[in-house]
C-alpha atoms as a PDB file:
ATOM      1  CA  MET A   1      -6.632 -10.540  -6.089  1.00  0.00           C
ATOM      2  CA  GLY A   2      -4.808  -7.871  -4.155  1.00  0.00           C
ATOM      3  CA  ALA A   3      -3.503  -6.151  -7.296  1.00  0.00           C
ATOM      4  CA  ILE A   4      -4.131  -2.641  -5.931  1.00  0.00           C
ATOM      5  CA  LEU A   5      -2.642  -3.548  -2.560  1.00  0.00           C
ATOM      6  CA  GLU A   6       0.460  -4.908  -4.295  1.00  0.00           C
ATOM      7  CA  GLU A   7       0.681  -1.738  -6.363  1.00  0.00           C
ATOM      8  CA  ILE A   8       0.574   0.334  -3.183  1.00  0.00           C
ATOM      9  CA  TYR A   9       3.329  -1.803  -1.662  1.00  0.00           C
ATOM     10  CA  ASP A  10       5.443  -1.308  -4.782  1.00  0.00           C
ATOM     11  CA  LEU A  11       4.914   2.448  -4.720  1.00  0.00           C
ATOM     12  CA  VAL A  12       5.845   2.733  -1.041  1.00  0.00           C
ATOM     13  CA  THR A  13       8.937   0.610  -1.648  1.00  0.00           C
ATOM     14  CA  GLN A  14       9.993   2.889  -4.536  1.00  0.00           C
ATOM     15  CA  LYS A  15       9.392   6.110  -2.613  1.00  0.00           C
ATOM     16  CA  ALA A  16      10.380   5.134   0.940  1.00  0.00           C
ATOM     17  CA  GLY A  17      12.486   1.998   0.603  1.00  0.00           C
ATOM     18  CA  LEU A  18      12.432  -1.038   2.837  1.00  0.00           C
ATOM     19  CA  LYS A  19      11.752   1.059   5.935  1.00  0.00           C
ATOM     20  CA  GLY A  20       8.625   2.447   4.302  1.00  0.00           C
ATOM     21  CA  ARG A  21       7.507  -1.011   3.252  1.00  0.00           C
ATOM     22  CA  THR A  22       7.961  -2.235   6.822  1.00  0.00           C
ATOM     23  CA  LYS A  23       5.968   0.718   8.161  1.00  0.00           C
ATOM     24  CA  LEU A  24       3.159  -0.062   5.721  1.00  0.00           C
ATOM     25  CA  ALA A  25       3.017  -3.643   6.993  1.00  0.00           C
ATOM     26  CA  GLU A  26       2.938  -2.387  10.588  1.00  0.00           C
ATOM     27  CA  LYS A  27       0.228   0.214   9.934  1.00  0.00           C
ATOM     28  CA  THR A  28      -2.030  -2.099   7.919  1.00  0.00           C
ATOM     29  CA  GLY A  29      -1.381  -5.359   9.721  1.00  0.00           C
ATOM     30  CA  LEU A  30      -0.786  -7.112   6.399  1.00  0.00           C
ATOM     31  CA  PRO A  31       2.654  -7.968   5.033  1.00  0.00           C
ATOM     32  CA  ARG A  32       3.073  -7.801   1.257  1.00  0.00           C
ATOM     33  CA  ALA A  33       2.789 -11.563   0.732  1.00  0.00           C
ATOM     34  CA  LYS A  34      -0.563 -11.702   2.528  1.00  0.00           C
ATOM     35  CA  ALA A  35      -1.801  -8.496   0.900  1.00  0.00           C
ATOM     36  CA  ALA A  36      -1.366 -10.155  -2.487  1.00  0.00           C
ATOM     37  CA  ASP A  37      -3.872 -12.836  -1.433  1.00  0.00           C
ATOM     38  CA  GLU A  38      -6.452 -10.405  -0.056  1.00  0.00           C
ATOM     39  CA  GLU A  39      -9.387  -9.046  -2.018  1.00  0.00           C
ATOM     40  CA  ASP A  40      -9.093  -5.368  -2.980  1.00  0.00           C
ATOM     41  CA  SER A  41     -12.099  -4.318  -0.892  1.00  0.00           C
ATOM     42  CA  LYS A  42     -12.948  -0.607  -0.691  1.00  0.00           C
ATOM     43  CA  GLU A  43     -12.178  -0.535   3.011  1.00  0.00           C
ATOM     44  CA  LEU A  44      -8.829  -2.287   2.733  1.00  0.00           C
ATOM     45  CA  VAL A  45      -7.693  -0.195  -0.239  1.00  0.00           C
ATOM     46  CA  ALA A  46      -8.665   2.987   1.648  1.00  0.00           C
ATOM     47  CA  LYS A  47      -6.702   1.822   4.709  1.00  0.00           C
ATOM     48  CA  PHE A  48      -3.637   1.104   2.559  1.00  0.00           C
ATOM     49  CA  LYS A  49      -3.877   4.405   0.678  1.00  0.00           C
ATOM     50  CA  LYS A  50      -4.125   6.362   3.917  1.00  0.00           C
ATOM     51  CA  ALA A  51      -1.166   4.559   5.483  1.00  0.00           C
ATOM     52  CA  ALA A  52       0.942   4.858   2.315  1.00  0.00           C
ATOM     53  CA  SER A  53       0.181   8.572   1.990  1.00  0.00           C
ATOM     54  CA  GLU A  54       1.295   9.108   5.601  1.00  0.00           C
ATOM     55  CA  ILE A  55       4.512   7.167   5.031  1.00  0.00           C
ATOM     56  CA  ILE A  56       5.407   8.908   1.769  1.00  0.00           C
ATOM     57  CA  GLY A  57       4.274  12.320   2.967  1.00  0.00           C
ATOM     58  CA  SER A  58       1.953  13.054   0.048  1.00  0.00           C
ATOM     59  CA  ASP A  59      -1.366  11.831  -1.292  1.00  0.00           C
ATOM     60  CA  ILE A  60      -0.933   8.733  -3.470  1.00  0.00           C
ATOM     61  CA  GLU A  61      -4.463   8.803  -4.926  1.00  0.00           C
ATOM     62  CA  GLY A  62      -3.365   9.838  -8.419  1.00  0.00           C
ATOM     63  CA  LEU A  63      -0.484   7.370  -8.460  1.00  0.00           C
ATOM     64  CA  ILE A  64      -2.471   4.168  -7.954  1.00  0.00           C
ATOM     65  CA  GLY A  65      -4.641   2.285 -10.415  1.00  0.00           C
ATOM     66  CA  LYS A  66      -3.066   3.603 -13.592  1.00  0.00           C
ATOM     67  CA  GLY A  67      -1.948   0.184 -14.840  1.00  0.00           C
END
């Protein structure tokens, strides 16, 4: 559970560092540890993708779900 959300957290951490990761937690209301336990619902994944794209400054759509 939460595999896509974890992947988004990893991507944001790679691209924007710890500050970006913290911003993602603030914007989504879910820290990484809790995101790992959540179900990858359409709504939650969309919320994370939107927040991550804003933090990184580019659309992450093509970067997620490749693994």
